[in-house]
Amino acid sequence: LRDHGLVTTSPCGRFTYYRLAAGAFDALHDLV
């Protein structure tokens, strides 16, 4: 999902948080 630009990450201590990338569903629409 990261490699396709659909999610982004932010480190917080020993954890990595994931969130939907801006325009992710637009990118997904283009893939489909």
Full PDB file with SEQRES, HELIX, SHEET, SSBOND, CRYST1, ORIGX, SCALE, CONECT and MASTER records, all heavy atoms in Angstrom:
SEQRES   1 A   32  LEU ARG ASP HIS GLY LEU VAL THR THR SER PRO CYS GLY          
SEQRES   2 A   32  ARG PHE THR TYR TYR ARG LEU ALA ALA GLY ALA PHE ASP          
SEQRES   3 A   32  ALA LEU HIS ASP LEU VAL                                      
HELIX    1 AA1 ALA A   24  LEU A   31  1                                   8    
SHEET    1 AA1 2 VAL A   7  CYS A  12  0                                        
SHEET    2 AA1 2 PHE A  15  LEU A  20 -1                                        
CRYST1    1.000    1.000    1.000  90.00  90.00  90.00 P 1           1          
ORIGX1      1.000000  0.000000  0.000000        0.00000                         
ORIGX2      0.000000  1.000000  0.000000        0.00000                         
ORIGX3      0.000000  0.000000  1.000000        0.00000                         
SCALE1      1.000000  0.000000  0.000000        0.00000                         
SCALE2      0.000000  1.000000  0.000000        0.00000                         
SCALE3      0.000000  0.000000  1.000000        0.00000                         
ATOM      1  N   LEU A   1       0.830  -1.209   0.000  1.00  0.00           N  
ATOM      2  CA  LEU A   1       0.000   0.000   0.000  1.00  0.00           C  
ATOM      3  C   LEU A   1       0.864   1.259   0.000  1.00  0.00           C  
ATOM      4  O   LEU A   1       0.527   2.237  -0.687  1.00  0.00           O  
ATOM      5  CB  LEU A   1      -0.948  -0.012   1.202  1.00  0.00           C  
ATOM      6  CG  LEU A   1      -2.030  -1.098   1.161  1.00  0.00           C  
ATOM      7  CD1 LEU A   1      -2.773  -1.157   2.489  1.00  0.00           C  
ATOM      8  CD2 LEU A   1      -2.982  -0.874   0.001  1.00  0.00           C  
ATOM      9  N   ARG A   2       1.965   1.245   0.732  1.00  0.00           N  
ATOM     10  CA  ARG A   2       2.894   2.389   0.726  1.00  0.00           C  
ATOM     11  C   ARG A   2       3.528   2.569  -0.644  1.00  0.00           C  
ATOM     12  O   ARG A   2       3.610   3.676  -1.167  1.00  0.00           O  
ATOM     13  CB  ARG A   2       4.006   2.190   1.766  1.00  0.00           C  
ATOM     14  CG  ARG A   2       3.684   2.665   3.133  1.00  0.00           C  
ATOM     15  CD  ARG A   2       4.920   2.749   4.038  1.00  0.00           C  
ATOM     16  NE  ARG A   2       5.953   1.773   3.776  1.00  0.00           N  
ATOM     17  CZ  ARG A   2       6.084   0.607   4.406  1.00  0.00           C  
ATOM     18  NH1 ARG A   2       5.238   0.268   5.351  1.00  0.00           N  
ATOM     19  NH2 ARG A   2       7.065  -0.205   4.114  1.00  0.00           N  
ATOM     20  N   ASP A   3       3.983   1.461  -1.233  1.00  0.00           N  
ATOM     21  CA  ASP A   3       4.640   1.516  -2.538  1.00  0.00           C  
ATOM     22  C   ASP A   3       3.720   2.077  -3.625  1.00  0.00           C  
ATOM     23  O   ASP A   3       4.189   2.669  -4.587  1.00  0.00           O  
ATOM     24  CB  ASP A   3       5.142   0.132  -2.956  1.00  0.00           C  
ATOM     25  CG  ASP A   3       6.332  -0.341  -2.137  1.00  0.00           C  
ATOM     26  OD1 ASP A   3       6.915   0.472  -1.387  1.00  0.00           O  
ATOM     27  OD2 ASP A   3       6.664  -1.540  -2.239  1.00  0.00           O  
ATOM     28  N   HIS A   4       2.425   1.885  -3.467  1.00  0.00           N  
ATOM     29  CA  HIS A   4       1.453   2.407  -4.430  1.00  0.00           C  
ATOM     30  C   HIS A   4       0.938   3.796  -4.054  1.00  0.00           C  
ATOM     31  O   HIS A   4       0.036   4.322  -4.702  1.00  0.00           O  
ATOM     32  CB  HIS A   4       0.285   1.430  -4.591  1.00  0.00           C  
ATOM     33  CG  HIS A   4       0.638   0.248  -5.436  1.00  0.00           C  
ATOM     34  ND1 HIS A   4       1.174  -0.904  -4.895  1.00  0.00           N  
ATOM     35  CD2 HIS A   4       0.586   0.056  -6.772  1.00  0.00           C  
ATOM     36  CE1 HIS A   4       1.409  -1.762  -5.876  1.00  0.00           C  
ATOM     37  NE2 HIS A   4       1.065  -1.204  -7.020  1.00  0.00           N  
ATOM     38  N   GLY A   5       1.489   4.360  -2.970  1.00  0.00           N  
ATOM     39  CA  GLY A   5       1.117   5.715  -2.576  1.00  0.00           C  
ATOM     40  C   GLY A   5      -0.257   5.841  -1.944  1.00  0.00           C  
ATOM     41  O   GLY A   5      -0.825   6.925  -1.896  1.00  0.00           O  
ATOM     42  N   LEU A   6      -0.781   4.730  -1.414  1.00  0.00           N  
ATOM     43  CA  LEU A   6      -2.120   4.755  -0.827  1.00  0.00           C  
ATOM     44  C   LEU A   6      -2.108   5.073   0.663  1.00  0.00           C  
ATOM     45  O   LEU A   6      -3.105   5.550   1.194  1.00  0.00           O  
ATOM     46  CB  LEU A   6      -2.832   3.427  -1.076  1.00  0.00           C  
ATOM     47  CG  LEU A   6      -3.061   3.105  -2.553  1.00  0.00           C  
ATOM     48  CD1 LEU A   6      -3.595   1.690  -2.710  1.00  0.00           C  
ATOM     49  CD2 LEU A   6      -4.000   4.115  -3.179  1.00  0.00           C  
ATOM     50  N   VAL A   7      -0.997   4.781   1.347  1.00  0.00           N  
ATOM     51  CA  VAL A   7      -0.879   5.106   2.766  1.00  0.00           C  
ATOM     52  C   VAL A   7       0.443   5.821   3.019  1.00  0.00           C  
ATOM     53  O   VAL A   7       1.409   5.661   2.266  1.00  0.00           O  
ATOM     54  CB  VAL A   7      -0.989   3.856   3.683  1.00  0.00           C  
ATOM     55  CG1 VAL A   7      -2.317   3.165   3.521  1.00  0.00           C  
ATOM     56  CG2 VAL A   7       0.142   2.898   3.444  1.00  0.00           C  
ATOM     57  N   THR A   8       0.472   6.611   4.085  1.00  0.00           N  
ATOM     58  CA  THR A   8       1.690   7.275   4.523  1.00  0.00           C  
ATOM     59  C   THR A   8       1.948   6.863   5.965  1.00  0.00           C  
ATOM     60  O   THR A   8       1.058   6.348   6.644  1.00  0.00           O  
ATOM     61  CB  THR A   8       1.575   8.808   4.421  1.00  0.00           C  
ATOM     62  OG1 THR A   8       0.503   9.251   5.242  1.00  0.00           O  
ATOM     63  CG2 THR A   8       1.347   9.242   2.986  1.00  0.00           C  
ATOM     64  N   THR A   9       3.169   7.103   6.422  1.00  0.00           N  
ATOM     65  CA  THR A   9       3.553   6.684   7.766  1.00  0.00           C  
ATOM     66  C   THR A   9       4.086   7.859   8.562  1.00  0.00           C  
ATOM     67  O   THR A   9       4.538   8.858   8.007  1.00  0.00           O  
ATOM     68  CB  THR A   9       4.654   5.612   7.714  1.00  0.00           C  
ATOM     69  OG1 THR A   9       5.813   6.161   7.105  1.00  0.00           O  
ATOM     70  CG2 THR A   9       4.202   4.381   6.962  1.00  0.00           C  
ATOM     71  N   SER A  10       4.002   7.699   9.884  1.00  0.00           N  
ATOM     72  CA  SER A  10       4.660   8.640  10.785  1.00  0.00           C  
ATOM     73  C   SER A  10       5.147   7.846  11.994  1.00  0.00           C  
ATOM     74  O   SER A  10       4.374   7.125  12.638  1.00  0.00           O  
ATOM     75  CB  SER A  10       3.721   9.773  11.205  1.00  0.00           C  
ATOM     76  OG  SER A  10       2.574   9.275  11.825  1.00  0.00           O  
ATOM     77  N   PRO A  11       6.458   7.933  12.290  1.00  0.00           N  
ATOM     78  CA  PRO A  11       7.001   7.204  13.431  1.00  0.00           C  
ATOM     79  C   PRO A  11       6.611   7.879  14.736  1.00  0.00           C  
ATOM     80  O   PRO A  11       6.483   9.097  14.813  1.00  0.00           O  
ATOM     81  CB  PRO A  11       8.515   7.269  13.205  1.00  0.00           C  
ATOM     82  CG  PRO A  11       8.721   8.473  12.360  1.00  0.00           C  
ATOM     83  CD  PRO A  11       7.476   8.658  11.553  1.00  0.00           C  
ATOM     84  N   CYS A  12       6.377   7.061  15.741  1.00  0.00           N  
ATOM     85  CA  CYS A  12       6.059   7.568  17.077  1.00  0.00           C  
ATOM     86  C   CYS A  12       6.691   6.593  18.074  1.00  0.00           C  
ATOM     87  O   CYS A  12       6.103   5.542  18.371  1.00  0.00           O  
ATOM     88  CB  CYS A  12       4.552   7.666  17.267  1.00  0.00           C  
ATOM     89  SG  CYS A  12       4.073   8.361  18.849  1.00  0.00           S  
ATOM     90  N   GLY A  13       7.896   6.929  18.521  1.00  0.00           N  
ATOM     91  CA  GLY A  13       8.610   6.013  19.405  1.00  0.00           C  
ATOM     92  C   GLY A  13       8.952   4.743  18.666  1.00  0.00           C  
ATOM     93  O   GLY A  13       9.494   4.777  17.567  1.00  0.00           O  
ATOM     94  N   ARG A  14       8.601   3.606  19.232  1.00  0.00           N  
ATOM     95  CA  ARG A  14       8.894   2.334  18.574  1.00  0.00           C  
ATOM     96  C   ARG A  14       7.778   1.876  17.647  1.00  0.00           C  
ATOM     97  O   ARG A  14       7.857   0.805  17.054  1.00  0.00           O  
ATOM     98  CB  ARG A  14       9.213   1.257  19.600  1.00  0.00           C  
ATOM     99  CG  ARG A  14       8.081   0.936  20.518  1.00  0.00           C  
ATOM    100  CD  ARG A  14       8.509  -0.056  21.597  1.00  0.00           C  
ATOM    101  NE  ARG A  14       7.341  -0.478  22.333  1.00  0.00           N  
ATOM    102  CZ  ARG A  14       6.947  -1.724  22.467  1.00  0.00           C  
ATOM    103  NH1 ARG A  14       7.654  -2.685  21.924  1.00  0.00           N  
ATOM    104  NH2 ARG A  14       5.871  -2.022  23.145  1.00  0.00           N  
ATOM    105  N   PHE A  15       6.740   2.673  17.506  1.00  0.00           N  
ATOM    106  CA  PHE A  15       5.608   2.338  16.655  1.00  0.00           C  
ATOM    107  C   PHE A  15       5.615   3.167  15.379  1.00  0.00           C  
ATOM    108  O   PHE A  15       6.151   4.273  15.347  1.00  0.00           O  
ATOM    109  CB  PHE A  15       4.283   2.574  17.389  1.00  0.00           C  
ATOM    110  CG  PHE A  15       4.120   1.718  18.599  1.00  0.00           C  
ATOM    111  CD1 PHE A  15       4.324   2.242  19.863  1.00  0.00           C  
ATOM    112  CD2 PHE A  15       3.794   0.374  18.485  1.00  0.00           C  
ATOM    113  CE1 PHE A  15       4.188   1.453  20.991  1.00  0.00           C  
ATOM    114  CE2 PHE A  15       3.655  -0.424  19.607  1.00  0.00           C  
ATOM    115  CZ  PHE A  15       3.855   0.113  20.865  1.00  0.00           C  
ATOM    116  N   THR A  16       5.009   2.640  14.346  1.00  0.00           N  
ATOM    117  CA  THR A  16       4.793   3.382  13.111  1.00  0.00           C  
ATOM    118  C   THR A  16       3.287   3.477  12.906  1.00  0.00           C  
ATOM    119  O   THR A  16       2.581   2.467  12.943  1.00  0.00           O  
ATOM    120  CB  THR A  16       5.430   2.661  11.905  1.00  0.00           C  
ATOM    121  OG1 THR A  16       6.837   2.567  12.137  1.00  0.00           O  
ATOM    122  CG2 THR A  16       5.173   3.411  10.618  1.00  0.00           C  
ATOM    123  N   TYR A  17       2.814   4.694  12.728  1.00  0.00           N  
ATOM    124  CA  TYR A  17       1.395   4.913  12.489  1.00  0.00           C  
ATOM    125  C   TYR A  17       1.150   5.102  11.004  1.00  0.00           C  
ATOM    126  O   TYR A  17       1.950   5.727  10.315  1.00  0.00           O  
ATOM    127  CB  TYR A  17       0.906   6.131  13.273  1.00  0.00           C  
ATOM    128  CG  TYR A  17       0.639   5.787  14.722  1.00  0.00           C  
ATOM    129  CD1 TYR A  17       1.668   5.737  15.643  1.00  0.00           C  
ATOM    130  CD2 TYR A  17      -0.647   5.479  15.148  1.00  0.00           C  
ATOM    131  CE1 TYR A  17       1.440   5.392  16.956  1.00  0.00           C  
ATOM    132  CE2 TYR A  17      -0.888   5.138  16.468  1.00  0.00           C  
ATOM    133  CZ  TYR A  17       0.156   5.095  17.367  1.00  0.00           C  
ATOM    134  OH  TYR A  17      -0.084   4.752  18.665  1.00  0.00           O  
ATOM    135  N   TYR A  18       0.053   4.549  10.545  1.00  0.00           N  
ATOM    136  CA  TYR A  18      -0.322   4.610   9.140  1.00  0.00           C  
ATOM    137  C   TYR A  18      -1.598   5.413   8.993  1.00  0.00           C  
ATOM    138  O   TYR A  18      -2.482   5.356   9.845  1.00  0.00           O  
ATOM    139  CB  TYR A  18      -0.552   3.192   8.589  1.00  0.00           C  
ATOM    140  CG  TYR A  18       0.716   2.385   8.557  1.00  0.00           C  
ATOM    141  CD1 TYR A  18       1.174   1.714   9.682  1.00  0.00           C  
ATOM    142  CD2 TYR A  18       1.462   2.313   7.396  1.00  0.00           C  
ATOM    143  CE1 TYR A  18       2.347   0.998   9.658  1.00  0.00           C  
ATOM    144  CE2 TYR A  18       2.643   1.591   7.353  1.00  0.00           C  
ATOM    145  CZ  TYR A  18       3.074   0.933   8.488  1.00  0.00           C  
ATOM    146  OH  TYR A  18       4.242   0.224   8.457  1.00  0.00           O  
ATOM    147  N   ARG A  19      -1.668   6.148   7.894  1.00  0.00           N  
ATOM    148  CA  ARG A  19      -2.900   6.880   7.578  1.00  0.00           C  
ATOM    149  C   ARG A  19      -3.085   6.849   6.078  1.00  0.00           C  
ATOM    150  O   ARG A  19      -2.131   6.640   5.314  1.00  0.00           O  
ATOM    151  CB  ARG A  19      -2.855   8.299   8.115  1.00  0.00           C  
ATOM    152  CG  ARG A  19      -1.849   9.189   7.464  1.00  0.00           C  
ATOM    153  CD  ARG A  19      -1.876  10.598   8.089  1.00  0.00           C  
ATOM    154  NE  ARG A  19      -0.620  11.284   7.868  1.00  0.00           N  
ATOM    155  CZ  ARG A  19       0.496  11.113   8.558  1.00  0.00           C  
ATOM    156  NH1 ARG A  19       0.523  10.252   9.546  1.00  0.00           N  
ATOM    157  NH2 ARG A  19       1.581  11.781   8.272  1.00  0.00           N  
ATOM    158  N   LEU A  20      -4.305   7.055   5.690  1.00  0.00           N  
ATOM    159  CA  LEU A  20      -4.634   7.100   4.276  1.00  0.00           C  
ATOM    160  C   LEU A  20      -3.963   8.323   3.657  1.00  0.00           C  
ATOM    161  O   LEU A  20      -4.032   9.418   4.216  1.00  0.00           O  
ATOM    162  CB  LEU A  20      -6.156   7.200   4.135  1.00  0.00           C  
ATOM    163  CG  LEU A  20      -6.792   6.706   2.860  1.00  0.00           C  
ATOM    164  CD1 LEU A  20      -6.455   5.250   2.599  1.00  0.00           C  
ATOM    165  CD2 LEU A  20      -8.280   6.895   2.942  1.00  0.00           C  
ATOM    166  N   ALA A  21      -3.309   8.140   2.539  1.00  0.00           N  
ATOM    167  CA  ALA A  21      -2.661   9.256   1.852  1.00  0.00           C  
ATOM    168  C   ALA A  21      -3.731  10.155   1.230  1.00  0.00           C  
ATOM    169  O   ALA A  21      -4.800   9.683   0.835  1.00  0.00           O  
ATOM    170  CB  ALA A  21      -1.726   8.731   0.767  1.00  0.00           C  
ATOM    171  N   ALA A  22      -3.424  11.446   1.188  1.00  0.00           N  
ATOM    172  CA  ALA A  22      -4.338  12.387   0.544  1.00  0.00           C  
ATOM    173  C   ALA A  22      -4.551  11.947  -0.901  1.00  0.00           C  
ATOM    174  O   ALA A  22      -3.599  11.651  -1.619  1.00  0.00           O  
ATOM    175  CB  ALA A  22      -3.755  13.793   0.596  1.00  0.00           C  
ATOM    176  N   GLY A  23      -5.796  11.845  -1.301  1.00  0.00           N  
ATOM    177  CA  GLY A  23      -6.128  11.435  -2.663  1.00  0.00           C  
ATOM    178  C   GLY A  23      -5.961   9.948  -2.915  1.00  0.00           C  
ATOM    179  O   GLY A  23      -5.921   9.511  -4.058  1.00  0.00           O  
ATOM    180  N   ALA A  24      -5.865   9.152  -1.841  1.00  0.00           N  
ATOM    181  CA  ALA A  24      -5.631   7.715  -2.000  1.00  0.00           C  
ATOM    182  C   ALA A  24      -6.724   7.043  -2.815  1.00  0.00           C  
ATOM    183  O   ALA A  24      -6.438   6.201  -3.662  1.00  0.00           O  
ATOM    184  CB  ALA A  24      -5.514   7.036  -0.641  1.00  0.00           C  
ATOM    185  N   PHE A  25      -7.959   7.411  -2.572  1.00  0.00           N  
ATOM    186  CA  PHE A  25      -9.037   6.766  -3.319  1.00  0.00           C  
ATOM    187  C   PHE A  25      -9.060   7.237  -4.767  1.00  0.00           C  
ATOM    188  O   PHE A  25      -9.486   6.510  -5.651  1.00  0.00           O  
ATOM    189  CB  PHE A  25     -10.384   6.964  -2.623  1.00  0.00           C  
ATOM    190  CG  PHE A  25     -10.528   6.081  -1.408  1.00  0.00           C  
ATOM    191  CD1 PHE A  25     -10.600   6.638  -0.144  1.00  0.00           C  
ATOM    192  CD2 PHE A  25     -10.562   4.707  -1.517  1.00  0.00           C  
ATOM    193  CE1 PHE A  25     -10.707   5.822   0.977  1.00  0.00           C  
ATOM    194  CE2 PHE A  25     -10.666   3.889  -0.413  1.00  0.00           C  
ATOM    195  CZ  PHE A  25     -10.738   4.455   0.845  1.00  0.00           C  
ATOM    196  N   ASP A  26      -8.538   8.439  -5.026  1.00  0.00           N  
ATOM    197  CA  ASP A  26      -8.386   8.888  -6.413  1.00  0.00           C  
ATOM    198  C   ASP A  26      -7.353   8.015  -7.120  1.00  0.00           C  
ATOM    199  O   ASP A  26      -7.566   7.583  -8.248  1.00  0.00           O  
ATOM    200  CB  ASP A  26      -7.933  10.345  -6.472  1.00  0.00           C  
ATOM    201  CG  ASP A  26      -8.989  11.303  -5.907  1.00  0.00           C  
ATOM    202  OD1 ASP A  26     -10.178  10.926  -5.871  1.00  0.00           O  
ATOM    203  OD2 ASP A  26      -8.601  12.407  -5.503  1.00  0.00           O  
ATOM    204  N   ALA A  27      -6.236   7.756  -6.434  1.00  0.00           N  
ATOM    205  CA  ALA A  27      -5.196   6.895  -7.002  1.00  0.00           C  
ATOM    206  C   ALA A  27      -5.721   5.481  -7.208  1.00  0.00           C  
ATOM    207  O   ALA A  27      -5.421   4.833  -8.210  1.00  0.00           O  
ATOM    208  CB  ALA A  27      -3.972   6.884  -6.092  1.00  0.00           C  
ATOM    209  N   LEU A  28      -6.500   4.995  -6.264  1.00  0.00           N  
ATOM    210  CA  LEU A  28      -7.085   3.665  -6.374  1.00  0.00           C  
ATOM    211  C   LEU A  28      -8.026   3.597  -7.562  1.00  0.00           C  
ATOM    212  O   LEU A  28      -8.032   2.639  -8.328  1.00  0.00           O  
ATOM    213  CB  LEU A  28      -7.817   3.310  -5.081  1.00  0.00           C  
ATOM    214  CG  LEU A  28      -8.344   1.902  -4.948  1.00  0.00           C  
ATOM    215  CD1 LEU A  28      -7.210   0.892  -5.046  1.00  0.00           C  
ATOM    216  CD2 LEU A  28      -9.081   1.736  -3.644  1.00  0.00           C  
ATOM    217  N   HIS A  29      -8.815   4.643  -7.744  1.00  0.00           N  
ATOM    218  CA  HIS A  29      -9.738   4.713  -8.882  1.00  0.00           C  
ATOM    219  C   HIS A  29      -8.968   4.621 -10.205  1.00  0.00           C  
ATOM    220  O   HIS A  29      -9.374   3.917 -11.118  1.00  0.00           O  
ATOM    221  CB  HIS A  29     -10.551   6.001  -8.821  1.00  0.00           C  
ATOM    222  CG  HIS A  29     -11.512   6.150  -9.949  1.00  0.00           C  
ATOM    223  ND1 HIS A  29     -11.167   6.770 -11.119  1.00  0.00           N  
ATOM    224  CD2 HIS A  29     -12.784   5.716 -10.093  1.00  0.00           C  
ATOM    225  CE1 HIS A  29     -12.198   6.741 -11.941  1.00  0.00           C  
ATOM    226  NE2 HIS A  29     -13.186   6.108 -11.338  1.00  0.00           N  
ATOM    227  N   ASP A  30      -7.837   5.317 -10.256  1.00  0.00           N  
ATOM    228  CA  ASP A  30      -7.029   5.302 -11.478  1.00  0.00           C  
ATOM    229  C   ASP A  30      -6.436   3.913 -11.744  1.00  0.00           C  
ATOM    230  O   ASP A  30      -6.310   3.512 -12.905  1.00  0.00           O  
ATOM    231  CB  ASP A  30      -5.889   6.331 -11.387  1.00  0.00           C  
ATOM    232  CG  ASP A  30      -6.415   7.757 -11.400  1.00  0.00           C  
ATOM    233  OD1 ASP A  30      -7.585   7.963 -11.811  1.00  0.00           O  
ATOM    234  OD2 ASP A  30      -5.663   8.665 -10.994  1.00  0.00           O  
ATOM    235  N   LEU A  31      -6.101   3.179 -10.679  1.00  0.00           N  
ATOM    236  CA  LEU A  31      -5.575   1.823 -10.836  1.00  0.00           C  
ATOM    237  C   LEU A  31      -6.620   0.873 -11.368  1.00  0.00           C  
ATOM    238  O   LEU A  31      -6.322  -0.030 -12.144  1.00  0.00           O  
ATOM    239  CB  LEU A  31      -5.031   1.297  -9.503  1.00  0.00           C  
ATOM    240  CG  LEU A  31      -3.724   1.897  -9.011  1.00  0.00           C  
ATOM    241  CD1 LEU A  31      -3.423   1.391  -7.604  1.00  0.00           C  
ATOM    242  CD2 LEU A  31      -2.582   1.570  -9.937  1.00  0.00           C  
ATOM    243  N   VAL A  32      -7.844   1.061 -10.913  1.00  0.00           N  
ATOM    244  CA  VAL A  32      -8.929   0.178 -11.329  1.00  0.00           C  
ATOM    245  C   VAL A  32      -9.350   0.561 -12.726  1.00  0.00           C  
ATOM    246  O   VAL A  32      -9.546  -0.156 -13.618  1.00  0.00           O  
ATOM    247  CB  VAL A  32     -10.125   0.268 -10.357  1.00  0.00           C  
ATOM    248  CG1 VAL A  32     -11.285  -0.556 -10.858  1.00  0.00           C  
ATOM    249  CG2 VAL A  32      -9.705  -0.192  -8.987  1.00  0.00           C  
TER     250      VAL A  32                                                      
MASTER        0    0    0    1    2    0    0    6  249    1    0    3          
END                                                                             
